[in-house]
């Protein structure tokens, strides 16, 4: 969890200025994926998470690599390839959608 403070200066009509100090909390979601070749579990950072696909970042800094995980044909896992290696996130599409709904309760839900 990373914490940062932001200072915002707003100009209103008639030249009145207001200063707001916002306390912004940023949460980095991490998930465990399996490298199919070695069967090892690896922790990766989630860049974007939707029921249709999950984008993850492997590594850190200049050596980081993005990978898109898409649902398998039977819908029981997400799979993707990075640098010639296959990685699998072993959760179903319904479980991922439930996670998204749980983490963003105020967001608009499509039918």
PDB file of N, CA and C in Angstrom:
ATOM      1  N   UNK A   1       0.849  -1.163   0.000  1.00  0.00           N
ATOM      2  CA  UNK A   1       0.000   0.000   0.000  1.00  0.00           C
ATOM      3  C   UNK A   1       0.897   1.228   0.000  1.00  0.00           C
ATOM      4  N   UNK A   2       0.655   2.135  -0.934  1.00  0.00           N
ATOM      5  CA  UNK A   2       1.467   3.336  -1.048  1.00  0.00           C
ATOM      6  C   UNK A   2       0.609   4.536  -0.668  1.00  0.00           C
ATOM      7  N   UNK A   3       1.173   5.462   0.082  1.00  0.00           N
ATOM      8  CA  UNK A   3       0.444   6.637   0.518  1.00  0.00           C
ATOM      9  C   UNK A   3       1.115   7.874  -0.065  1.00  0.00           C
ATOM     10  N   UNK A   4       0.295   8.783  -0.579  1.00  0.00           N
ATOM     11  CA  UNK A   4       0.871  10.007  -1.104  1.00  0.00           C
ATOM     12  C   UNK A   4      -0.091  11.151  -0.836  1.00  0.00           C
ATOM     13  N   UNK A   5       0.440  12.330  -0.715  1.00  0.00           N
ATOM     14  CA  UNK A   5      -0.380  13.510  -0.467  1.00  0.00           C
ATOM     15  C   UNK A   5      -0.319  14.422  -1.683  1.00  0.00           C
ATOM     16  N   UNK A   6      -1.444  15.032  -1.984  1.00  0.00           N
ATOM     17  CA  UNK A   6      -1.510  15.921  -3.141  1.00  0.00           C
ATOM     18  C   UNK A   6      -2.069  17.273  -2.695  1.00  0.00           C
ATOM     19  N   UNK A   7      -1.475  18.334  -3.166  1.00  0.00           N
ATOM     20  CA  UNK A   7      -1.909  19.687  -2.846  1.00  0.00           C
ATOM     21  C   UNK A   7      -2.585  20.267  -4.075  1.00  0.00           C
ATOM     22  N   UNK A   8      -3.832  20.682  -3.934  1.00  0.00           N
ATOM     23  CA  UNK A   8      -4.596  21.201  -5.063  1.00  0.00           C
ATOM     24  C   UNK A   8      -4.986  22.646  -4.794  1.00  0.00           C
ATOM     25  N   UNK A   9      -4.796  23.494  -5.784  1.00  0.00           N
ATOM     26  CA  UNK A   9      -5.139  24.897  -5.702  1.00  0.00           C
ATOM     27  C   UNK A   9      -6.229  25.173  -6.723  1.00  0.00           C
ATOM     28  N   UNK A  10      -7.376  25.651  -6.274  1.00  0.00           N
ATOM     29  CA  UNK A  10      -8.495  25.909  -7.162  1.00  0.00           C
ATOM     30  C   UNK A  10      -8.785  27.404  -7.210  1.00  0.00           C
ATOM     31  N   UNK A  11      -9.055  27.918  -8.396  1.00  0.00           N
ATOM     32  CA  UNK A  11      -9.443  29.312  -8.573  1.00  0.00           C
ATOM     33  C   UNK A  11     -10.950  29.371  -8.791  1.00  0.00           C
ATOM     34  N   UNK A  12     -11.625  30.123  -7.956  1.00  0.00           N
ATOM     35  CA  UNK A  12     -13.060  30.301  -8.094  1.00  0.00           C
ATOM     36  C   UNK A  12     -13.330  31.645  -8.748  1.00  0.00           C
ATOM     37  N   UNK A  13     -14.608  31.940  -8.968  1.00  0.00           N
ATOM     38  CA  UNK A  13     -14.972  33.257  -9.493  1.00  0.00           C
ATOM     39  C   UNK A  13     -14.585  34.312  -8.460  1.00  0.00           C
ATOM     40  N   UNK A  14     -14.415  35.508  -8.876  1.00  0.00           N
ATOM     41  CA  UNK A  14     -14.068  36.659  -8.049  1.00  0.00           C
ATOM     42  C   UNK A  14     -12.679  36.553  -7.441  1.00  0.00           C
ATOM     43  N   UNK A  15     -11.819  35.703  -7.998  1.00  0.00           N
ATOM     44  CA  UNK A  15     -10.437  35.642  -7.554  1.00  0.00           C
ATOM     45  C   UNK A  15     -10.196  34.971  -6.214  1.00  0.00           C
ATOM     46  N   UNK A  16     -11.207  34.298  -5.673  1.00  0.00           N
ATOM     47  CA  UNK A  16     -11.019  33.607  -4.400  1.00  0.00           C
ATOM     48  C   UNK A  16     -10.305  32.282  -4.676  1.00  0.00           C
ATOM     49  N   UNK A  17      -9.304  31.995  -3.876  1.00  0.00           N
ATOM     50  CA  UNK A  17      -8.545  30.761  -4.061  1.00  0.00           C
ATOM     51  C   UNK A  17      -8.764  29.855  -2.853  1.00  0.00           C
ATOM     52  N   UNK A  18      -8.806  28.585  -3.123  1.00  0.00           N
ATOM     53  CA  UNK A  18      -8.953  27.607  -2.039  1.00  0.00           C
ATOM     54  C   UNK A  18      -7.870  26.547  -2.194  1.00  0.00           C
ATOM     55  N   UNK A  19      -7.326  26.131  -1.099  1.00  0.00           N
ATOM     56  CA  UNK A  19      -6.276  25.123  -1.110  1.00  0.00           C
ATOM     57  C   UNK A  19      -6.818  23.870  -0.421  1.00  0.00           C
ATOM     58  N   UNK A  20      -6.704  22.731  -1.105  1.00  0.00           N
ATOM     59  CA  UNK A  20      -7.167  21.460  -0.557  1.00  0.00           C
ATOM     60  C   UNK A  20      -5.982  20.512  -0.458  1.00  0.00           C
ATOM     61  N   UNK A  21      -5.856  19.864   0.660  1.00  0.00           N
ATOM     62  CA  UNK A  21      -4.844  18.830   0.839  1.00  0.00           C
ATOM     63  C   UNK A  21      -5.579  17.496   0.839  1.00  0.00           C
ATOM     64  N   UNK A  22      -5.375  16.727  -0.218  1.00  0.00           N
ATOM     65  CA  UNK A  22      -6.051  15.443  -0.353  1.00  0.00           C
ATOM     66  C   UNK A  22      -5.126  14.319   0.054  1.00  0.00           C
ATOM     67  N   UNK A  23      -5.647  13.388   0.802  1.00  0.00           N
ATOM     68  CA  UNK A  23      -4.892  12.211   1.211  1.00  0.00           C
ATOM     69  C   UNK A  23      -5.296  11.078   0.292  1.00  0.00           C
ATOM     70  N   UNK A  24      -4.410  10.682  -0.614  1.00  0.00           N
ATOM     71  CA  UNK A  24      -4.712   9.676  -1.621  1.00  0.00           C
ATOM     72  C   UNK A  24      -4.037   8.363  -1.229  1.00  0.00           C
ATOM     73  N   UNK A  25      -4.828   7.302  -1.155  1.00  0.00           N
ATOM     74  CA  UNK A  25      -4.290   5.990  -0.853  1.00  0.00           C
ATOM     75  C   UNK A  25      -4.378   5.139  -2.108  1.00  0.00           C
ATOM     76  N   UNK A  26      -3.262   4.527  -2.467  1.00  0.00           N
ATOM     77  CA  UNK A  26      -3.211   3.728  -3.684  1.00  0.00           C
ATOM     78  C   UNK A  26      -2.967   2.272  -3.302  1.00  0.00           C
ATOM     79  N   UNK A  27      -3.803   1.393  -3.840  1.00  0.00           N
ATOM     80  CA  UNK A  27      -3.694  -0.027  -3.533  1.00  0.00           C
ATOM     81  C   UNK A  27      -3.209  -0.772  -4.774  1.00  0.00           C
ATOM     82  N   UNK A  28      -2.122  -1.515  -4.630  1.00  0.00           N
ATOM     83  CA  UNK A  28      -1.588  -2.302  -5.728  1.00  0.00           C
ATOM     84  C   UNK A  28      -2.044  -3.742  -5.543  1.00  0.00           C
ATOM     85  N   UNK A  29      -2.822  -4.255  -6.502  1.00  0.00           N
ATOM     86  CA  UNK A  29      -3.312  -5.625  -6.410  1.00  0.00           C
ATOM     87  C   UNK A  29      -2.270  -6.576  -6.991  1.00  0.00           C
ATOM     88  N   UNK A  30      -2.027  -7.654  -6.294  1.00  0.00           N
ATOM     89  CA  UNK A  30      -1.100  -8.678  -6.759  1.00  0.00           C
ATOM     90  C   UNK A  30      -1.834 -10.015  -6.778  1.00  0.00           C
ATOM     91  N   UNK A  31      -1.510 -10.850  -7.763  1.00  0.00           N
ATOM     92  CA  UNK A  31      -2.115 -12.172  -7.861  1.00  0.00           C
ATOM     93  C   UNK A  31      -1.019 -13.215  -8.047  1.00  0.00           C
ATOM     94  N   UNK A  32      -1.354 -14.453  -7.754  1.00  0.00           N
ATOM     95  CA  UNK A  32      -0.432 -15.574  -7.929  1.00  0.00           C
ATOM     96  C   UNK A  32      -0.743 -16.280  -9.237  1.00  0.00           C
ATOM     97  N   UNK A  33       0.242 -16.411 -10.095  1.00  0.00           N
ATOM     98  CA  UNK A  33       0.087 -17.149 -11.351  1.00  0.00           C
ATOM     99  C   UNK A  33       1.056 -18.324 -11.337  1.00  0.00           C
ATOM    100  N   UNK A  34       0.719 -19.353 -12.115  1.00  0.00           N
ATOM    101  CA  UNK A  34       1.562 -20.541 -12.195  1.00  0.00           C
ATOM    102  C   UNK A  34       2.300 -20.550 -13.534  1.00  0.00           C
ATOM    103  N   UNK A  35       3.613 -20.768 -13.482  1.00  0.00           N
ATOM    104  CA  UNK A  35       4.404 -20.955 -14.693  1.00  0.00           C
ATOM    105  C   UNK A  35       4.258 -22.434 -15.055  1.00  0.00           C
ATOM    106  N   UNK A  36       3.621 -22.742 -16.191  1.00  0.00           N
ATOM    107  CA  UNK A  36       3.271 -24.126 -16.508  1.00  0.00           C
ATOM    108  C   UNK A  36       4.499 -25.011 -16.716  1.00  0.00           C
ATOM    109  N   UNK A  37       5.571 -24.448 -17.219  1.00  0.00           N
ATOM    110  CA  UNK A  37       6.764 -25.234 -17.507  1.00  0.00           C
ATOM    111  C   UNK A  37       7.426 -25.780 -16.240  1.00  0.00           C
ATOM    112  N   UNK A  38       7.495 -24.942 -15.194  1.00  0.00           N
ATOM    113  CA  UNK A  38       8.164 -25.343 -13.962  1.00  0.00           C
ATOM    114  C   UNK A  38       7.187 -25.623 -12.821  1.00  0.00           C
ATOM    115  N   UNK A  39       5.904 -25.320 -13.014  1.00  0.00           N
ATOM    116  CA  UNK A  39       4.857 -25.474 -12.002  1.00  0.00           C
ATOM    117  C   UNK A  39       5.089 -24.603 -10.771  1.00  0.00           C
ATOM    118  N   UNK A  40       5.923 -23.582 -10.875  1.00  0.00           N
ATOM    119  CA  UNK A  40       6.164 -22.667  -9.765  1.00  0.00           C
ATOM    120  C   UNK A  40       5.112 -21.578  -9.753  1.00  0.00           C
ATOM    121  N   UNK A  41       4.802 -21.088  -8.550  1.00  0.00           N
ATOM    122  CA  UNK A  41       3.887 -19.963  -8.402  1.00  0.00           C
ATOM    123  C   UNK A  41       4.707 -18.676  -8.383  1.00  0.00           C
ATOM    124  N   UNK A  42       4.179 -17.650  -9.038  1.00  0.00           N
ATOM    125  CA  UNK A  42       4.876 -16.372  -9.129  1.00  0.00           C
ATOM    126  C   UNK A  42       3.873 -15.264  -8.837  1.00  0.00           C
ATOM    127  N   UNK A  43       4.290 -14.263  -8.076  1.00  0.00           N
ATOM    128  CA  UNK A  43       3.425 -13.138  -7.762  1.00  0.00           C
ATOM    129  C   UNK A  43       3.641 -12.041  -8.800  1.00  0.00           C
ATOM    130  N   UNK A  44       2.539 -11.559  -9.392  1.00  0.00           N
ATOM    131  CA  UNK A  44       2.608 -10.508 -10.398  1.00  0.00           C
ATOM    132  C   UNK A  44       1.670  -9.377 -10.003  1.00  0.00           C
ATOM    133  N   UNK A  45       1.910  -8.187 -10.536  1.00  0.00           N
ATOM    134  CA  UNK A  45       1.091  -7.010 -10.260  1.00  0.00           C
ATOM    135  C   UNK A  45       0.008  -6.895 -11.335  1.00  0.00           C
ATOM    136  N   UNK A  46      -1.219  -6.627 -10.898  1.00  0.00           N
ATOM    137  CA  UNK A  46      -2.340  -6.477 -11.833  1.00  0.00           C
ATOM    138  C   UNK A  46      -2.343  -5.049 -12.357  1.00  0.00           C
ATOM    139  N   UNK A  47      -2.296  -4.905 -13.685  1.00  0.00           N
ATOM    140  CA  UNK A  47      -2.327  -3.605 -14.341  1.00  0.00           C
ATOM    141  C   UNK A  47      -3.767  -3.218 -14.672  1.00  0.00           C
ATOM    142  N   UNK A  48      -4.541  -4.179 -15.194  1.00  0.00           N
ATOM    143  CA  UNK A  48      -5.941  -3.955 -15.542  1.00  0.00           C
ATOM    144  C   UNK A  48      -6.672  -5.281 -15.378  1.00  0.00           C
ATOM    145  N   UNK A  49      -7.851  -5.223 -14.759  1.00  0.00           N
ATOM    146  CA  UNK A  49      -8.583  -6.463 -14.496  1.00  0.00           C
ATOM    147  C   UNK A  49     -10.019  -6.322 -14.958  1.00  0.00           C
ATOM    148  N   UNK A  50     -10.392  -7.152 -15.905  1.00  0.00           N
ATOM    149  CA  UNK A  50     -11.762  -7.246 -16.410  1.00  0.00           C
ATOM    150  C   UNK A  50     -12.100  -8.722 -16.511  1.00  0.00           C
ATOM    151  N   UNK A  51     -13.385  -9.032 -16.649  1.00  0.00           N
ATOM    152  CA  UNK A  51     -13.772 -10.431 -16.803  1.00  0.00           C
ATOM    153  C   UNK A  51     -13.291 -10.972 -18.149  1.00  0.00           C
ATOM    154  N   UNK A  52     -13.164 -10.114 -19.157  1.00  0.00           N
ATOM    155  CA  UNK A  52     -12.745 -10.551 -20.487  1.00  0.00           C
ATOM    156  C   UNK A  52     -11.240 -10.746 -20.607  1.00  0.00           C
ATOM    157  N   UNK A  53     -10.451 -10.046 -19.801  1.00  0.00           N
ATOM    158  CA  UNK A  53      -8.992 -10.206 -19.821  1.00  0.00           C
ATOM    159  C   UNK A  53      -8.377  -9.555 -18.592  1.00  0.00           C
ATOM    160  N   UNK A  54      -7.193 -10.030 -18.237  1.00  0.00           N
ATOM    161  CA  UNK A  54      -6.433  -9.473 -17.122  1.00  0.00           C
ATOM    162  C   UNK A  54      -5.047  -9.127 -17.650  1.00  0.00           C
ATOM    163  N   UNK A  55      -4.625  -7.878 -17.448  1.00  0.00           N
ATOM    164  CA  UNK A  55      -3.275  -7.478 -17.829  1.00  0.00           C
ATOM    165  C   UNK A  55      -2.423  -7.440 -16.576  1.00  0.00           C
ATOM    166  N   UNK A  56      -1.281  -8.127 -16.616  1.00  0.00           N
ATOM    167  CA  UNK A  56      -0.382  -8.189 -15.464  1.00  0.00           C
ATOM    168  C   UNK A  56       0.999  -7.688 -15.867  1.00  0.00           C
ATOM    169  N   UNK A  57       1.784  -7.293 -14.866  1.00  0.00           N
ATOM    170  CA  UNK A  57       3.150  -6.828 -15.080  1.00  0.00           C
ATOM    171  C   UNK A  57       4.069  -7.750 -14.293  1.00  0.00           C
ATOM    172  N   UNK A  58       5.041  -8.329 -14.982  1.00  0.00           N
ATOM    173  CA  UNK A  58       6.045  -9.200 -14.357  1.00  0.00           C
ATOM    174  C   UNK A  58       7.329  -8.402 -14.221  1.00  0.00           C
ATOM    175  N   UNK A  59       7.992  -8.525 -13.092  1.00  0.00           N
ATOM    176  CA  UNK A  59       9.242  -7.813 -12.882  1.00  0.00           C
ATOM    177  C   UNK A  59       9.005  -6.404 -12.370  1.00  0.00           C
ATOM    178  N   UNK A  60      10.094  -5.646 -12.273  1.00  0.00           N
ATOM    179  CA  UNK A  60      10.014  -4.283 -11.757  1.00  0.00           C
ATOM    180  C   UNK A  60      10.985  -3.387 -12.507  1.00  0.00           C
ATOM    181  N   UNK A  61      10.657  -2.122 -12.559  1.00  0.00           N
ATOM    182  CA  UNK A  61      11.545  -1.142 -13.171  1.00  0.00           C
ATOM    183  C   UNK A  61      11.656  -1.297 -14.678  1.00  0.00           C
ATOM    184  N   UNK A  62      12.864  -1.094 -15.194  1.00  0.00           N
ATOM    185  CA  UNK A  62      13.082  -1.152 -16.639  1.00  0.00           C
ATOM    186  C   UNK A  62      12.985  -2.568 -17.179  1.00  0.00           C
ATOM    187  N   UNK A  63      13.039  -3.561 -16.305  1.00  0.00           N
ATOM    188  CA  UNK A  63      12.980  -4.952 -16.746  1.00  0.00           C
ATOM    189  C   UNK A  63      11.579  -5.539 -16.656  1.00  0.00           C
ATOM    190  N   UNK A  64      10.561  -4.718 -16.412  1.00  0.00           N
ATOM    191  CA  UNK A  64       9.198  -5.227 -16.292  1.00  0.00           C
ATOM    192  C   UNK A  64       8.617  -5.530 -17.675  1.00  0.00           C
ATOM    193  N   UNK A  65       7.718  -6.520 -17.717  1.00  0.00           N
ATOM    194  CA  UNK A  65       7.092  -6.965 -18.966  1.00  0.00           C
ATOM    195  C   UNK A  65       5.600  -7.112 -18.724  1.00  0.00           C
ATOM    196  N   UNK A  66       4.798  -6.597 -19.651  1.00  0.00           N
ATOM    197  CA  UNK A  66       3.342  -6.737 -19.564  1.00  0.00           C
ATOM    198  C   UNK A  66       2.903  -8.015 -20.261  1.00  0.00           C
ATOM    199  N   UNK A  67       1.821  -8.588 -19.748  1.00  0.00           N
ATOM    200  CA  UNK A  67       1.270  -9.801 -20.337  1.00  0.00           C
ATOM    201  C   UNK A  67      -0.250  -9.748 -20.204  1.00  0.00           C
ATOM    202  N   UNK A  68      -0.949 -10.165 -21.246  1.00  0.00           N
ATOM    203  CA  UNK A  68      -2.411 -10.217 -21.200  1.00  0.00           C
ATOM    204  C   UNK A  68      -2.857 -11.658 -21.005  1.00  0.00           C
ATOM    205  N   UNK A  69      -3.647 -11.869 -19.967  1.00  0.00           N
ATOM    206  CA  UNK A  69      -4.208 -13.179 -19.680  1.00  0.00           C
ATOM    207  C   UNK A  69      -5.655 -13.196 -20.165  1.00  0.00           C
ATOM    208  N   UNK A  70      -6.010 -14.180 -20.972  1.00  0.00           N
ATOM    209  CA  UNK A  70      -7.373 -14.309 -21.483  1.00  0.00           C
ATOM    210  C   UNK A  70      -7.988 -15.601 -20.970  1.00  0.00           C
ATOM    211  N   UNK A  71      -9.307 -15.647 -20.852  1.00  0.00           N
ATOM    212  CA  UNK A  71      -9.951 -16.867 -20.349  1.00  0.00           C
ATOM    213  C   UNK A  71      -9.690 -18.056 -21.275  1.00  0.00           C
ATOM    214  N   UNK A  72      -9.530 -19.224 -20.684  1.00  0.00           N
ATOM    215  CA  UNK A  72      -9.369 -20.442 -21.467  1.00  0.00           C
ATOM    216  C   UNK A  72     -10.720 -20.826 -22.074  1.00  0.00           C
ATOM    217  N   UNK A  73     -10.734 -21.806 -22.945  1.00  0.00           N
ATOM    218  CA  UNK A  73     -11.971 -22.195 -23.622  1.00  0.00           C
ATOM    219  C   UNK A  73     -13.060 -22.666 -22.667  1.00  0.00           C
ATOM    220  N   UNK A  74     -12.655 -23.377 -21.621  1.00  0.00           N
ATOM    221  CA  UNK A  74     -13.655 -23.849 -20.668  1.00  0.00           C
ATOM    222  C   UNK A  74     -13.988 -22.811 -19.592  1.00  0.00           C
ATOM    223  N   UNK A  75     -13.273 -21.690 -19.563  1.00  0.00           N
ATOM    224  CA  UNK A  75     -13.566 -20.599 -18.640  1.00  0.00           C
ATOM    225  C   UNK A  75     -13.141 -20.829 -17.206  1.00  0.00           C
ATOM    226  N   UNK A  76     -12.327 -21.844 -16.938  1.00  0.00           N
ATOM    227  CA  UNK A  76     -11.923 -22.152 -15.565  1.00  0.00           C
ATOM    228  C   UNK A  76     -10.598 -21.515 -15.171  1.00  0.00           C
ATOM    229  N   UNK A  77      -9.912 -20.866 -16.098  1.00  0.00           N
ATOM    230  CA  UNK A  77      -8.622 -20.233 -15.800  1.00  0.00           C
ATOM    231  C   UNK A  77      -8.346 -19.149 -16.840  1.00  0.00           C
ATOM    232  N   UNK A  78      -7.299 -18.371 -16.590  1.00  0.00           N
ATOM    233  CA  UNK A  78      -6.811 -17.361 -17.530  1.00  0.00           C
ATOM    234  C   UNK A  78      -5.397 -17.753 -17.912  1.00  0.00           C
ATOM    235  N   UNK A  79      -5.059 -17.662 -19.184  1.00  0.00           N
ATOM    236  CA  UNK A  79      -3.727 -18.056 -19.644  1.00  0.00           C
ATOM    237  C   UNK A  79      -3.149 -16.981 -20.553  1.00  0.00           C
ATOM    238  N   UNK A  80      -1.825 -16.879 -20.542  1.00  0.00           N
ATOM    239  CA  UNK A  80      -1.125 -15.939 -21.399  1.00  0.00           C
ATOM    240  C   UNK A  80       0.312 -16.366 -21.557  1.00  0.00           C
ATOM    241  N   UNK A  81       1.015 -15.697 -22.462  1.00  0.00           N
ATOM    242  CA  UNK A  81       2.400 -16.045 -22.736  1.00  0.00           C
ATOM    243  C   UNK A  81       3.259 -14.795 -22.622  1.00  0.00           C
ATOM    244  N   UNK A  82       4.399 -14.952 -21.961  1.00  0.00           N
ATOM    245  CA  UNK A  82       5.336 -13.851 -21.836  1.00  0.00           C
ATOM    246  C   UNK A  82       6.741 -14.410 -22.044  1.00  0.00           C
ATOM    247  N   UNK A  83       7.459 -13.823 -22.996  1.00  0.00           N
ATOM    248  CA  UNK A  83       8.818 -14.220 -23.332  1.00  0.00           C
ATOM    249  C   UNK A  83       8.920 -15.726 -23.596  1.00  0.00           C
ATOM    250  N   UNK A  84       7.925 -16.274 -24.276  1.00  0.00           N
ATOM    251  CA  UNK A  84       7.937 -17.678 -24.642  1.00  0.00           C
ATOM    252  C   UNK A  84       7.509 -18.636 -23.550  1.00  0.00           C
ATOM    253  N   UNK A  85       7.122 -18.131 -22.399  1.00  0.00           N
ATOM    254  CA  UNK A  85       6.684 -18.965 -21.289  1.00  0.00           C
ATOM    255  C   UNK A  85       5.187 -18.767 -21.067  1.00  0.00           C
ATOM    256  N   UNK A  86       4.481 -19.864 -20.803  1.00  0.00           N
ATOM    257  CA  UNK A  86       3.049 -19.771 -20.544  1.00  0.00           C
ATOM    258  C   UNK A  86       2.816 -19.624 -19.046  1.00  0.00           C
ATOM    259  N   UNK A  87       1.939 -18.672 -18.683  1.00  0.00           N
ATOM    260  CA  UNK A  87       1.545 -18.507 -17.287  1.00  0.00           C
ATOM    261  C   UNK A  87       0.032 -18.660 -17.199  1.00  0.00           C
ATOM    262  N   UNK A  88      -0.447 -19.164 -16.064  1.00  0.00           N
ATOM    263  CA  UNK A  88      -1.871 -19.446 -15.874  1.00  0.00           C
ATOM    264  C   UNK A  88      -2.321 -18.894 -14.527  1.00  0.00           C
ATOM    265  N   UNK A  89      -3.447 -18.167 -14.542  1.00  0.00           N
ATOM    266  CA  UNK A  89      -4.109 -17.698 -13.326  1.00  0.00           C
ATOM    267  C   UNK A  89      -5.290 -18.629 -13.102  1.00  0.00           C
ATOM    268  N   UNK A  90      -5.248 -19.413 -12.049  1.00  0.00           N
ATOM    269  CA  UNK A  90      -6.182 -20.512 -11.858  1.00  0.00           C
ATOM    270  C   UNK A  90      -7.451 -20.091 -11.123  1.00  0.00           C
ATOM    271  N   UNK A  91      -8.179 -19.141 -11.712  1.00  0.00           N
ATOM    272  CA  UNK A  91      -9.496 -18.736 -11.195  1.00  0.00           C
ATOM    273  C   UNK A  91     -10.440 -18.622 -12.376  1.00  0.00           C
ATOM    274  N   UNK A  92     -11.700 -18.959 -12.146  1.00  0.00           N
ATOM    275  CA  UNK A  92     -12.678 -18.937 -13.237  1.00  0.00           C
ATOM    276  C   UNK A  92     -13.111 -17.506 -13.546  1.00  0.00           C
ATOM    277  N   UNK A  93     -13.762 -17.363 -14.673  1.00  0.00           N
ATOM    278  CA  UNK A  93     -14.258 -16.058 -15.098  1.00  0.00           C
ATOM    279  C   UNK A  93     -15.270 -15.500 -14.088  1.00  0.00           C
ATOM    280  N   UNK A  94     -16.123 -16.369 -13.546  1.00  0.00           N
ATOM    281  CA  UNK A  94     -17.125 -15.947 -12.561  1.00  0.00           C
ATOM    282  C   UNK A  94     -16.460 -15.479 -11.267  1.00  0.00           C
ATOM    283  N   UNK A  95     -15.398 -16.166 -10.841  1.00  0.00           N
ATOM    284  CA  UNK A  95     -14.680 -15.766  -9.636  1.00  0.00           C
ATOM    285  C   UNK A  95     -14.001 -14.412  -9.822  1.00  0.00           C
ATOM    286  N   UNK A  96     -13.445 -14.176 -11.000  1.00  0.00           N
ATOM    287  CA  UNK A  96     -12.796 -12.889 -11.281  1.00  0.00           C
ATOM    288  C   UNK A  96     -13.839 -11.774 -11.301  1.00  0.00           C
ATOM    289  N   UNK A  97     -14.996 -12.023 -11.913  1.00  0.00           N
ATOM    290  CA  UNK A  97     -16.058 -11.018 -11.943  1.00  0.00           C
ATOM    291  C   UNK A  97     -16.548 -10.726 -10.524  1.00  0.00           C
ATOM    292  N   UNK A  98     -16.645 -11.748  -9.682  1.00  0.00           N
ATOM    293  CA  UNK A  98     -17.035 -11.540  -8.283  1.00  0.00           C
ATOM    294  C   UNK A  98     -15.988 -10.708  -7.546  1.00  0.00           C
ATOM    295  N   UNK A  99     -14.705 -10.928  -7.811  1.00  0.00           N
ATOM    296  CA  UNK A  99     -13.639 -10.128  -7.208  1.00  0.00           C
ATOM    297  C   UNK A  99     -13.741  -8.671  -7.629  1.00  0.00           C
ATOM    298  N   UNK A 100     -14.012  -8.442  -8.906  1.00  0.00           N
ATOM    299  CA  UNK A 100     -14.133  -7.075  -9.424  1.00  0.00           C
ATOM    300  C   UNK A 100     -15.315  -6.370  -8.764  1.00  0.00           C
ATOM    301  N   UNK A 101     -16.457  -7.058  -8.658  1.00  0.00           N
ATOM    302  CA  UNK A 101     -17.638  -6.473  -8.033  1.00  0.00           C
ATOM    303  C   UNK A 101     -17.405  -6.192  -6.550  1.00  0.00           C
ATOM    304  N   UNK A 102     -16.647  -7.060  -5.884  1.00  0.00           N
ATOM    305  CA  UNK A 102     -16.360  -6.880  -4.466  1.00  0.00           C
ATOM    306  C   UNK A 102     -15.428  -5.690  -4.235  1.00  0.00           C
ATOM    307  N   UNK A 103     -14.437  -5.511  -5.114  1.00  0.00           N
ATOM    308  CA  UNK A 103     -13.469  -4.426  -4.944  1.00  0.00           C
ATOM    309  C   UNK A 103     -14.018  -3.073  -5.362  1.00  0.00           C
ATOM    310  N   UNK A 104     -14.979  -3.033  -6.291  1.00  0.00           N
ATOM    311  CA  UNK A 104     -15.564  -1.785  -6.781  1.00  0.00           C
ATOM    312  C   UNK A 104     -17.081  -1.818  -6.610  1.00  0.00           C
ATOM    313  N   UNK A 105     -17.589  -1.719  -5.374  1.00  0.00           N
ATOM    314  CA  UNK A 105     -19.028  -1.875  -5.170  1.00  0.00           C
ATOM    315  C   UNK A 105     -19.860  -0.735  -5.752  1.00  0.00           C
ATOM    316  N   UNK A 106     -19.296   0.467  -5.860  1.00  0.00           N
ATOM    317  CA  UNK A 106     -20.065   1.603  -6.366  1.00  0.00           C
ATOM    318  C   UNK A 106     -20.056   1.734  -7.866  1.00  0.00           C
ATOM    319  N   UNK A 107     -19.295   0.919  -8.546  1.00  0.00           N
ATOM    320  CA  UNK A 107     -19.172   1.018  -9.991  1.00  0.00           C
ATOM    321  C   UNK A 107     -20.405   0.453 -10.682  1.00  0.00           C
ATOM    322  N   UNK A 108     -20.734   1.004 -11.835  1.00  0.00           N
ATOM    323  CA  UNK A 108     -21.906   0.584 -12.598  1.00  0.00           C
ATOM    324  C   UNK A 108     -21.756  -0.870 -13.020  1.00  0.00           C
ATOM    325  N   UNK A 109     -22.809  -1.662 -12.816  1.00  0.00           N
ATOM    326  CA  UNK A 109     -22.784  -3.077 -13.200  1.00  0.00           C
ATOM    327  C   UNK A 109     -23.620  -3.292 -14.444  1.00  0.00           C
ATOM    328  N   UNK A 110     -23.029  -3.931 -15.423  1.00  0.00           N
ATOM    329  CA  UNK A 110     -23.746  -4.228 -16.666  1.00  0.00           C
ATOM    330  C   UNK A 110     -24.509  -5.523 -16.508  1.00  0.00           C
ATOM    331  N   UNK A 111     -25.600  -5.640 -17.232  1.00  0.00           N
ATOM    332  CA  UNK A 111     -26.393  -6.872 -17.178  1.00  0.00           C
ATOM    333  C   UNK A 111     -26.034  -7.781 -18.286  1.00  0.00           C
TER     334      UNK A 111
END
